[in-house]
């Protein structure tokens, strides 16, 4: 170990610390650098500050989980390979695929889950490629500046500050030497008294002369040191300017990296859009009753629509989803005397009652939970119609040949109006 060099470095460090402290307190003069160089330093500092923030926020965009980011950073510092971690879309795709298999691939819902799971996996793979592209083409150049180029600029800047402190120290030493020389000249200019010559020995006179020569030599040494420090400071200023001016090329490289990041982001969004549109077309192939967004409103509209034959009247469906049972209103058959005198044929008897049955059977589509009530209502209506069909018509007696006398009543009409059976056939004249 070179103790002499170590002592010189320690003394130089102490002198710089004292000079910096005096400059901070305003007790010493400070050599100003070129204003253009100060502007370059400001641009470098702003670029470093905002680049760090952009890198940090981009990492948050690519990996929102702070724990995962910390783990990845730890692996990078240890030079270990980062274990593969599934993306959120891939995890969702696996869950949908498992749910679709359990629901059944032959069911509409299971088929939709399987297709959505495949689409989510494709989105996760596209996101993984986008993350890799961003790390390579965007984050790596930014980190290269913050960890490499900025460090070199700061080293040159620090060296320039040290050279400036050395120059200021040399200037301060030269100024003090000139002040001491002026004091010595003033002392020599004053005449000496006789008492002084009688009481001061020759030794003191010798020391005084040596002291003046020492300060004269100090002035010469301080001037030489100042010239050397000034030359070193100017040279370091040029080197620092040349290095710091590289911030312009750094901005150009960052602009290129930013363009690549935007292109990768646009490509990623295009892939996501393609996968989403393809999934939309696949889901459209499934029956609309299972995948339509407004299926509930469509069913409610059909329930509230009135029947065409006027036999079924439905009430309005409330927000609670409870739909009342449709009310079936049966009309009383009109009495036709010809139907008693001329009974319908077998063909008419077979087809005539079927039309109202078919009309009443056409019930609007309701929800699945309302089907049992609706089926019960339809069954009751069909039973009533079947009872009307099996009711025998009056036999072909002499009623068609009977002629009612004025004022007489038909026994069948009397029976229908009064509700009792009368045997008054003998009162009817032939």
Protein backbone atom coordinates (compact mmCIF):
# COMPACT_ATOMS: atom_id res chain seq x y z
CA UNK A 1 0.00 0.00 0.00
CA UNK A 2 1.35 3.41 -0.99
CA UNK A 3 0.97 5.48 2.17
CA UNK A 4 2.14 8.64 0.46
CA UNK A 5 -0.53 8.37 -2.20
CA UNK A 6 -3.13 7.56 0.43
CA UNK A 7 -2.15 10.63 2.46
CA UNK A 8 -2.31 12.84 -0.62
CA UNK A 9 -5.77 11.53 -1.53
CA UNK A 10 -6.98 12.03 2.04
CA UNK A 11 -5.68 15.60 2.11
CA UNK A 12 -7.25 16.31 -1.27
CA UNK A 13 -10.59 14.91 -0.10
CA UNK A 14 -10.47 17.08 3.04
CA UNK A 15 -9.64 20.20 1.03
CA UNK A 16 -12.53 19.54 -1.35
CA UNK A 17 -14.93 18.98 1.54
CA UNK A 18 -13.86 22.26 3.17
CA UNK A 19 -14.20 24.14 -0.13
CA UNK A 20 -17.66 22.67 -0.81
CA UNK A 21 -18.81 23.56 2.71
CA UNK A 22 -17.58 27.14 2.38
CA UNK A 23 -19.33 27.46 -0.98
CA UNK A 24 -22.56 26.16 0.52
CA UNK A 25 -22.29 28.69 3.36
CA UNK A 26 -21.42 31.52 0.99
CA UNK A 27 -17.94 32.06 2.44
CA UNK A 28 -16.03 31.12 -0.73
CA UNK A 29 -16.32 31.92 -4.40
CA UNK A 30 -17.56 29.29 -6.83
CA UNK A 31 -16.42 28.90 -10.41
CA UNK A 32 -19.44 28.80 -12.71
CA UNK A 33 -19.61 26.32 -15.57
CA UNK A 34 -20.91 26.99 -19.07
CA UNK A 35 -24.70 27.74 -19.07
CA UNK A 36 -25.18 25.36 -22.00
CA UNK A 37 -23.66 22.59 -19.93
CA UNK A 38 -26.08 23.31 -17.09
CA UNK A 39 -29.00 22.97 -19.53
CA UNK A 40 -27.69 19.60 -20.67
CA UNK A 41 -27.40 18.48 -17.05
CA UNK A 42 -31.03 19.51 -16.46
CA UNK A 43 -32.18 17.51 -19.51
CA UNK A 44 -30.24 14.46 -18.35
CA UNK A 45 -31.76 14.64 -14.87
CA UNK A 46 -35.30 15.06 -16.24
CA UNK A 47 -34.79 12.16 -18.66
CA UNK A 48 -33.56 9.92 -15.86
CA UNK A 49 -36.43 10.83 -13.55
CA UNK A 50 -39.19 10.29 -16.10
CA UNK A 51 -37.58 7.17 -17.55
CA UNK A 52 -37.62 5.55 -14.11
CA UNK A 53 -41.30 6.41 -13.70
CA UNK A 54 -42.17 5.09 -17.18
CA UNK A 55 -40.34 1.83 -16.50
CA UNK A 56 -42.08 1.41 -13.15
CA UNK A 57 -45.55 2.08 -14.55
CA UNK A 58 -44.96 -0.18 -17.56
CA UNK A 59 -44.01 -3.01 -15.22
CA UNK A 60 -47.26 -2.40 -13.34
CA UNK A 61 -49.15 -2.57 -16.65
CA UNK A 62 -47.54 -5.84 -17.64
CA UNK A 63 -47.78 -7.40 -14.15
CA UNK A 64 -50.31 -5.76 -11.79
CA UNK A 65 -49.38 -8.11 -8.94
CA UNK A 66 -46.72 -6.39 -6.81
CA UNK A 67 -45.65 -9.67 -5.21
CA UNK A 68 -45.01 -11.24 -8.60
CA UNK A 69 -43.00 -8.19 -9.69
CA UNK A 70 -40.86 -8.38 -6.55
CA UNK A 71 -40.28 -12.08 -7.12
CA UNK A 72 -39.22 -11.51 -10.75
CA UNK A 73 -36.84 -8.75 -9.69
CA UNK A 74 -35.30 -11.01 -7.07
CA UNK A 75 -34.71 -13.73 -9.66
CA UNK A 76 -33.08 -11.18 -11.96
CA UNK A 77 -30.67 -10.00 -9.24
CA UNK A 78 -29.76 -13.59 -8.41
CA UNK A 79 -29.29 -14.43 -12.11
CA UNK A 80 -31.84 -17.21 -11.85
CA UNK A 81 -34.35 -18.15 -14.51
CA UNK A 82 -37.82 -16.88 -13.73
CA UNK A 83 -40.31 -19.79 -13.47
CA UNK A 84 -43.22 -19.62 -15.93
CA UNK A 85 -46.29 -18.02 -14.46
CA UNK A 86 -49.73 -18.43 -16.13
CA UNK A 87 -51.53 -15.29 -17.19
CA UNK A 88 -54.96 -14.34 -15.83
CA UNK A 89 -56.67 -15.09 -19.16
CA UNK A 90 -55.12 -18.54 -19.26
CA UNK A 91 -56.34 -19.34 -15.74
CA UNK A 92 -59.83 -18.15 -16.66
CA UNK A 93 -59.72 -20.25 -19.82
CA UNK A 94 -58.81 -23.38 -17.84
CA UNK A 95 -61.68 -22.77 -15.43
CA UNK A 96 -64.17 -22.31 -18.28
CA UNK A 97 -62.92 -25.44 -20.04
CA UNK A 98 -63.31 -27.55 -16.91
CA UNK A 99 -66.78 -26.11 -16.29
CA UNK A 100 -67.81 -26.82 -19.88
CA UNK A 101 -66.65 -30.43 -19.65
CA UNK A 102 -68.59 -30.90 -16.42
CA UNK A 103 -71.72 -29.26 -17.82
CA UNK A 104 -71.53 -31.45 -20.89
CA UNK A 105 -70.12 -30.67 -24.29
CA UNK A 106 -73.43 -31.68 -25.92
CA UNK A 107 -75.36 -28.94 -24.09
CA UNK A 108 -75.52 -25.36 -25.39
CA UNK A 109 -74.11 -23.90 -22.17
CA UNK A 110 -71.29 -26.43 -22.02
CA UNK A 111 -70.41 -25.79 -25.65
CA UNK A 112 -70.34 -22.04 -25.03
CA UNK A 113 -68.05 -22.51 -22.02
CA UNK A 114 -65.63 -24.66 -24.00
CA UNK A 115 -65.44 -22.14 -26.82
CA UNK A 116 -64.98 -19.26 -24.39
CA UNK A 117 -62.24 -21.19 -22.60
CA UNK A 118 -60.32 -21.73 -25.84
CA UNK A 119 -60.68 -18.03 -26.69
CA UNK A 120 -59.42 -16.98 -23.25
CA UNK A 121 -56.37 -19.22 -23.65
CA UNK A 122 -55.65 -17.61 -27.00
CA UNK A 123 -55.93 -14.17 -25.38
CA UNK A 124 -53.52 -15.27 -22.65
CA UNK A 125 -51.01 -16.48 -25.22
CA UNK A 126 -51.28 -13.18 -27.12
CA UNK A 127 -50.74 -11.29 -23.86
CA UNK A 128 -47.66 -13.39 -23.08
CA UNK A 129 -46.13 -12.54 -26.46
CA UNK A 130 -46.93 -8.86 -25.95
CA UNK A 131 -45.19 -8.89 -22.55
CA UNK A 132 -42.09 -10.52 -24.01
CA UNK A 133 -41.98 -8.06 -26.91
CA UNK A 134 -42.37 -5.11 -24.54
CA UNK A 135 -39.56 -6.30 -22.28
CA UNK A 136 -37.18 -6.76 -25.20
CA UNK A 137 -37.97 -3.78 -27.42
CA UNK A 138 -39.10 -1.16 -24.90
CA UNK A 139 -38.02 -1.78 -21.31
CA UNK A 140 -34.52 -3.04 -22.13
CA UNK A 141 -33.44 0.16 -23.98
CA UNK A 142 -34.84 2.29 -21.17
CA UNK A 143 -33.02 0.26 -18.53
CA UNK A 144 -29.87 0.47 -20.64
CA UNK A 145 -29.98 4.24 -20.30
CA UNK A 146 -30.73 4.33 -16.57
CA UNK A 147 -28.17 1.66 -15.68
CA UNK A 148 -25.43 2.39 -18.23
CA UNK A 149 -25.47 5.69 -20.11
CA UNK A 150 -26.73 7.74 -17.20
CA UNK A 151 -24.04 6.27 -14.94
CA UNK A 152 -21.31 7.32 -17.40
CA UNK A 153 -22.76 10.83 -17.60
CA UNK A 154 -22.89 11.09 -13.83
CA UNK A 155 -19.27 9.92 -13.55
CA UNK A 156 -18.11 12.64 -15.95
CA UNK A 157 -20.23 15.18 -14.13
CA UNK A 158 -18.79 14.19 -10.76
CA UNK A 159 -15.25 14.42 -12.13
CA UNK A 160 -16.02 17.89 -13.47
CA UNK A 161 -17.23 18.94 -10.01
CA UNK A 162 -13.99 17.65 -8.46
CA UNK A 163 -11.89 19.56 -10.98
CA UNK A 164 -13.88 22.69 -10.26
CA UNK A 165 -13.31 22.28 -6.52
CA UNK A 166 -9.57 21.83 -7.12
CA UNK A 167 -9.53 25.00 -9.21
CA UNK A 168 -11.38 26.93 -6.53
CA UNK A 169 -8.96 25.62 -3.87
CA UNK A 170 -6.01 26.80 -5.97
CA UNK A 171 -7.63 30.20 -6.44
CA UNK A 172 -8.24 30.50 -2.70
CA UNK A 173 -4.65 29.56 -1.90
CA UNK A 174 -3.30 32.09 -4.40
CA UNK A 175 -5.52 34.80 -2.97
CA UNK A 176 -4.31 34.08 0.57
CA UNK A 177 -0.68 34.13 -0.63
CA UNK A 178 -1.17 37.54 -2.18
CA UNK A 179 -2.77 38.82 1.02
CA UNK A 180 0.19 37.56 3.09
CA UNK A 181 2.63 39.12 0.64
CA UNK A 182 0.89 42.47 0.92
CA UNK A 183 1.06 42.26 4.71
CA UNK A 184 4.78 41.48 4.51
CA UNK A 185 5.41 44.40 2.19
CA UNK A 186 3.54 46.70 4.56
CA UNK A 187 5.69 45.42 7.42
CA UNK A 188 8.90 46.12 5.52
CA UNK A 189 7.73 49.59 4.56
CA UNK A 190 7.34 50.70 8.20
CA UNK A 191 10.59 52.17 9.70
CA UNK A 192 12.13 50.33 12.61
CA UNK A 193 12.59 52.12 15.93
CA UNK A 194 15.87 52.27 17.81
CA UNK A 195 14.41 50.40 20.73
CA UNK A 196 13.50 47.62 18.40
CA UNK A 197 17.08 47.35 17.10
CA UNK A 198 18.39 47.27 20.59
CA UNK A 199 16.05 44.64 21.89
CA UNK A 200 15.50 42.36 18.82
CA UNK A 201 18.22 39.87 18.18
CA UNK A 202 19.70 38.90 14.89
CA UNK A 203 17.78 35.61 14.99
CA UNK A 204 14.40 37.24 14.76
CA UNK A 205 15.52 39.27 11.81
CA UNK A 206 16.67 36.10 10.06
CA UNK A 207 13.33 34.37 10.70
CA UNK A 208 11.46 37.37 9.33
CA UNK A 209 13.43 37.24 6.09
CA UNK A 210 12.86 33.51 5.73
CA UNK A 211 9.12 34.02 6.29
CA UNK A 212 8.91 36.59 3.51
CA UNK A 213 10.78 34.32 1.12
CA UNK A 214 8.45 31.46 1.98
CA UNK A 215 5.34 33.47 1.06
CA UNK A 216 6.98 34.59 -2.17
CA UNK A 217 7.61 30.96 -3.05
CA UNK A 218 4.01 30.10 -2.05
CA UNK A 219 2.66 32.65 -4.50
CA UNK A 220 4.65 31.16 -7.34
CA UNK A 221 3.54 27.64 -6.46
CA UNK A 222 -0.11 28.71 -6.13
CA UNK A 223 -0.03 30.37 -9.54
CA UNK A 224 1.43 27.24 -11.12
CA UNK A 225 -1.16 25.04 -9.40
CA UNK A 226 -3.95 27.33 -10.54
CA UNK A 227 -2.82 27.13 -14.17
CA UNK A 228 -2.72 23.33 -13.97
CA UNK A 229 -6.16 23.12 -12.33
CA UNK A 230 -7.62 25.52 -14.88
CA UNK A 231 -6.28 23.40 -17.74
CA UNK A 232 -7.66 20.20 -16.19
CA UNK A 233 -11.01 21.85 -15.57
CA UNK A 234 -11.30 23.04 -19.19
CA UNK A 235 -10.37 19.61 -20.51
CA UNK A 236 -12.88 17.89 -18.24
CA UNK A 237 -15.56 20.37 -19.29
CA UNK A 238 -15.08 19.39 -22.93
CA UNK A 239 -15.18 15.68 -22.11
CA UNK A 240 -18.30 16.11 -20.01
CA UNK A 241 -20.01 18.14 -22.72
CA UNK A 242 -19.23 15.50 -25.32
CA UNK A 243 -20.66 12.75 -23.12
CA UNK A 244 -23.71 14.68 -21.95
CA UNK A 245 -24.61 15.75 -25.49
CA UNK A 246 -25.30 12.07 -26.12
CA UNK A 247 -28.68 12.67 -24.47
CA UNK A 248 -29.95 13.72 -27.91
CA UNK A 249 -29.16 10.31 -29.39
CA UNK A 250 -30.65 8.74 -26.26
CA UNK A 251 -33.92 10.55 -26.91
CA UNK A 252 -33.85 9.29 -30.51
CA UNK A 253 -33.38 5.70 -29.33
CA UNK A 254 -36.17 6.09 -26.80
CA UNK A 255 -38.43 7.44 -29.53
CA UNK A 256 -37.72 4.36 -31.64
CA UNK A 257 -38.40 2.07 -28.68
CA UNK A 258 -41.64 3.89 -27.94
CA UNK A 259 -42.75 3.41 -31.55
CA UNK A 260 -42.05 -0.31 -31.32
CA UNK A 261 -44.00 -0.48 -28.07
CA UNK A 262 -47.02 1.18 -29.70
CA UNK A 263 -46.79 -1.14 -32.71
CA UNK A 264 -46.65 -4.18 -30.44
CA UNK A 265 -49.60 -2.89 -28.45
CA UNK A 266 -51.62 -2.32 -31.64
CA UNK A 267 -50.79 -5.84 -32.86
CA UNK A 268 -51.82 -7.26 -29.48
CA UNK A 269 -55.14 -5.44 -29.54
CA UNK A 270 -55.76 -6.59 -33.13
CA UNK A 271 -55.20 -10.20 -32.12
CA UNK A 272 -57.54 -9.79 -29.15
CA UNK A 273 -60.18 -8.27 -31.42
CA UNK A 274 -59.85 -11.14 -33.91
CA UNK A 275 -60.20 -13.75 -31.17
CA UNK A 276 -63.20 -11.91 -29.69
CA UNK A 277 -64.94 -11.60 -33.06
CA UNK A 278 -64.32 -15.26 -33.82
CA UNK A 279 -65.75 -16.20 -30.42
CA UNK A 280 -68.76 -14.00 -31.12
CA UNK A 281 -69.41 -15.81 -34.41
CA UNK A 282 -69.07 -19.18 -32.71
CA UNK A 283 -71.53 -18.23 -29.99
CA UNK A 284 -73.95 -16.94 -32.63
CA UNK A 285 -74.16 -20.47 -34.05
CA UNK A 286 -75.70 -21.64 -30.75
CA UNK A 287 -79.56 -21.31 -30.60
CA UNK A 288 -80.55 -17.74 -29.87
CA UNK A 289 -82.89 -18.77 -27.03
CA UNK A 290 -79.80 -19.80 -25.03
CA UNK A 291 -77.36 -17.00 -25.88
CA UNK A 292 -79.51 -13.96 -26.62
CA UNK A 293 -79.07 -11.04 -24.26
CA UNK A 294 -82.75 -10.06 -24.34
CA UNK A 295 -84.32 -13.51 -24.05
CA UNK A 296 -86.10 -12.58 -20.83
CA UNK A 297 -87.66 -9.47 -22.35
CA UNK A 298 -88.71 -11.44 -25.45
CA UNK A 299 -90.46 -14.06 -23.35
CA UNK A 300 -92.18 -11.39 -21.27
CA UNK A 301 -93.42 -9.72 -24.45
CA UNK A 302 -94.90 -12.99 -25.69
CA UNK A 303 -96.57 -13.61 -22.34
CA UNK A 304 -98.20 -10.18 -22.26
CA UNK A 305 -99.39 -10.44 -25.91
CA UNK A 306 -103.16 -11.20 -26.06
CA UNK A 307 -104.50 -14.32 -27.73
CA UNK A 308 -105.89 -14.07 -31.27
CA UNK A 309 -109.21 -15.81 -30.57
CA UNK A 310 -110.05 -13.83 -27.45
CA UNK A 311 -110.36 -16.93 -25.24
CA UNK A 312 -107.12 -16.43 -23.26
CA UNK A 313 -106.34 -13.25 -21.31
CA UNK A 314 -102.96 -12.89 -19.57
CA UNK A 315 -102.09 -10.37 -16.92
CA UNK A 316 -99.00 -8.14 -16.97
CA UNK A 317 -95.75 -9.67 -15.71
CA UNK A 318 -94.32 -7.87 -12.71
CA UNK A 319 -90.68 -7.25 -11.81
CA UNK A 320 -90.68 -10.13 -9.37
CA UNK A 321 -90.91 -12.55 -12.29
CA UNK A 322 -94.16 -14.17 -11.08
CA UNK A 323 -96.60 -14.58 -13.93
CA UNK A 324 -100.23 -15.37 -13.06
CA UNK A 325 -101.98 -18.37 -14.56
CA UNK A 326 -103.72 -17.52 -17.84
CA UNK A 327 -107.47 -17.25 -17.42
CA UNK A 328 -109.57 -19.27 -19.86
CA UNK A 329 -112.98 -17.72 -20.61
CA UNK A 330 -115.55 -20.04 -22.19
CA UNK A 331 -118.32 -18.56 -24.27
CA UNK A 332 -121.87 -19.90 -23.98
CA UNK A 333 -122.94 -21.55 -27.19
CA UNK A 334 -125.70 -19.75 -29.05
CA UNK A 335 -128.96 -21.65 -29.36
CA UNK A 336 -129.87 -22.54 -32.89
CA UNK A 337 -133.21 -24.22 -33.52
CA UNK A 338 -131.97 -25.67 -36.81
CA UNK A 339 -129.33 -27.53 -34.90
CA UNK A 340 -132.13 -29.35 -33.08
CA UNK A 341 -134.29 -29.98 -36.08
CA UNK A 342 -131.39 -30.71 -38.48
CA UNK A 343 -128.53 -32.30 -36.53
CA UNK A 344 -125.03 -31.90 -38.06
CA UNK A 345 -123.53 -34.64 -40.09
CA UNK A 346 -120.75 -36.85 -38.85
CA UNK A 347 -118.08 -34.86 -40.75
CA UNK A 348 -119.30 -31.54 -39.39
CA UNK A 349 -119.58 -33.02 -35.93
CA UNK A 350 -115.97 -34.18 -36.15
CA UNK A 351 -114.45 -30.91 -37.47
CA UNK A 352 -116.58 -28.18 -36.02
CA UNK A 353 -115.48 -28.38 -32.35
CA UNK A 354 -111.77 -28.85 -33.21
CA UNK A 355 -111.19 -25.23 -34.34
CA UNK A 356 -111.82 -23.60 -30.97
CA UNK A 357 -109.80 -26.37 -29.32
CA UNK A 358 -106.82 -25.65 -31.54
CA UNK A 359 -107.15 -21.91 -31.01
CA UNK A 360 -107.29 -22.27 -27.24
CA UNK A 361 -104.38 -24.71 -27.31
CA UNK A 362 -102.13 -22.08 -28.92
CA UNK A 363 -100.91 -20.57 -25.66
CA UNK A 364 -98.05 -18.05 -25.68
CA UNK A 365 -94.64 -19.30 -24.70
CA UNK A 366 -93.93 -18.69 -21.05
CA UNK A 367 -91.11 -19.53 -18.77
CA UNK A 368 -90.30 -23.06 -17.83
CA UNK A 369 -91.53 -22.66 -14.28
CA UNK A 370 -95.00 -21.64 -15.63
CA UNK A 371 -95.48 -24.67 -17.88
CA UNK A 372 -97.12 -26.91 -15.24
CA UNK A 373 -99.78 -24.28 -14.50
CA UNK A 374 -100.42 -23.68 -18.18
CA UNK A 375 -100.69 -27.40 -18.92
CA UNK A 376 -103.21 -27.76 -16.10
CA UNK A 377 -105.34 -24.97 -17.55
CA UNK A 378 -105.20 -26.43 -21.07
CA UNK A 379 -106.07 -29.87 -19.73
CA UNK A 380 -109.17 -28.51 -17.96
CA UNK A 381 -110.25 -26.71 -21.15
CA UNK A 382 -109.81 -29.87 -23.22
CA UNK A 383 -111.85 -31.90 -20.74
CA UNK A 384 -114.73 -29.43 -20.92
CA UNK A 385 -114.69 -29.54 -24.71
CA UNK A 386 -114.59 -33.32 -24.73
CA UNK A 387 -117.60 -33.38 -22.44
CA UNK A 388 -119.42 -31.13 -24.90
CA UNK A 389 -118.46 -33.46 -27.75
CA UNK A 390 -119.71 -36.61 -26.05
CA UNK A 391 -123.05 -34.99 -25.06
CA UNK A 392 -125.69 -36.79 -27.25
CA UNK A 393 -127.87 -34.78 -29.51
CA UNK A 394 -131.68 -35.26 -29.27
CA UNK A 395 -132.77 -38.35 -31.15
CA UNK A 396 -134.47 -38.01 -34.45
CA UNK A 397 -138.05 -38.29 -33.32
CA UNK A 398 -141.14 -36.78 -34.66
CA UNK A 399 -139.89 -33.42 -33.37
CA UNK A 400 -139.00 -32.39 -36.90
CA UNK A 401 -142.52 -33.23 -37.97
CA UNK A 402 -144.15 -31.65 -34.94
CA UNK A 403 -145.80 -28.31 -35.27
CA UNK A 404 -146.14 -26.24 -32.18
CA UNK A 405 -149.45 -24.67 -31.50
CA UNK A 406 -149.65 -21.00 -30.79
CA UNK A 407 -148.97 -20.35 -27.13
CA UNK A 408 -147.50 -23.79 -26.52
CA UNK A 409 -143.99 -24.36 -25.19
CA UNK A 410 -141.41 -26.74 -26.45
CA UNK A 411 -140.57 -29.30 -23.80
CA UNK A 412 -136.82 -29.03 -24.53
CA UNK A 413 -136.88 -25.27 -24.17
CA UNK A 414 -138.86 -25.65 -20.99
CA UNK A 415 -136.31 -28.10 -19.70
CA UNK A 416 -133.36 -25.80 -20.56
CA UNK A 417 -135.03 -22.74 -19.02
CA UNK A 418 -136.45 -24.30 -15.90
CA UNK A 419 -133.86 -26.99 -15.26
CA UNK A 420 -136.49 -29.73 -14.71
CA UNK A 421 -137.73 -32.56 -16.89
CA UNK A 422 -141.32 -32.40 -18.07
CA UNK A 423 -143.25 -35.01 -19.89
CA UNK A 424 -145.71 -32.99 -21.88
CA UNK A 425 -145.42 -34.68 -25.23
CA UNK A 426 -149.15 -35.39 -25.16
CA UNK A 427 -149.94 -31.68 -25.09
CA UNK A 428 -148.13 -31.04 -28.39
CA UNK A 429 -150.38 -31.35 -31.39
CA UNK A 430 -149.41 -33.18 -34.52
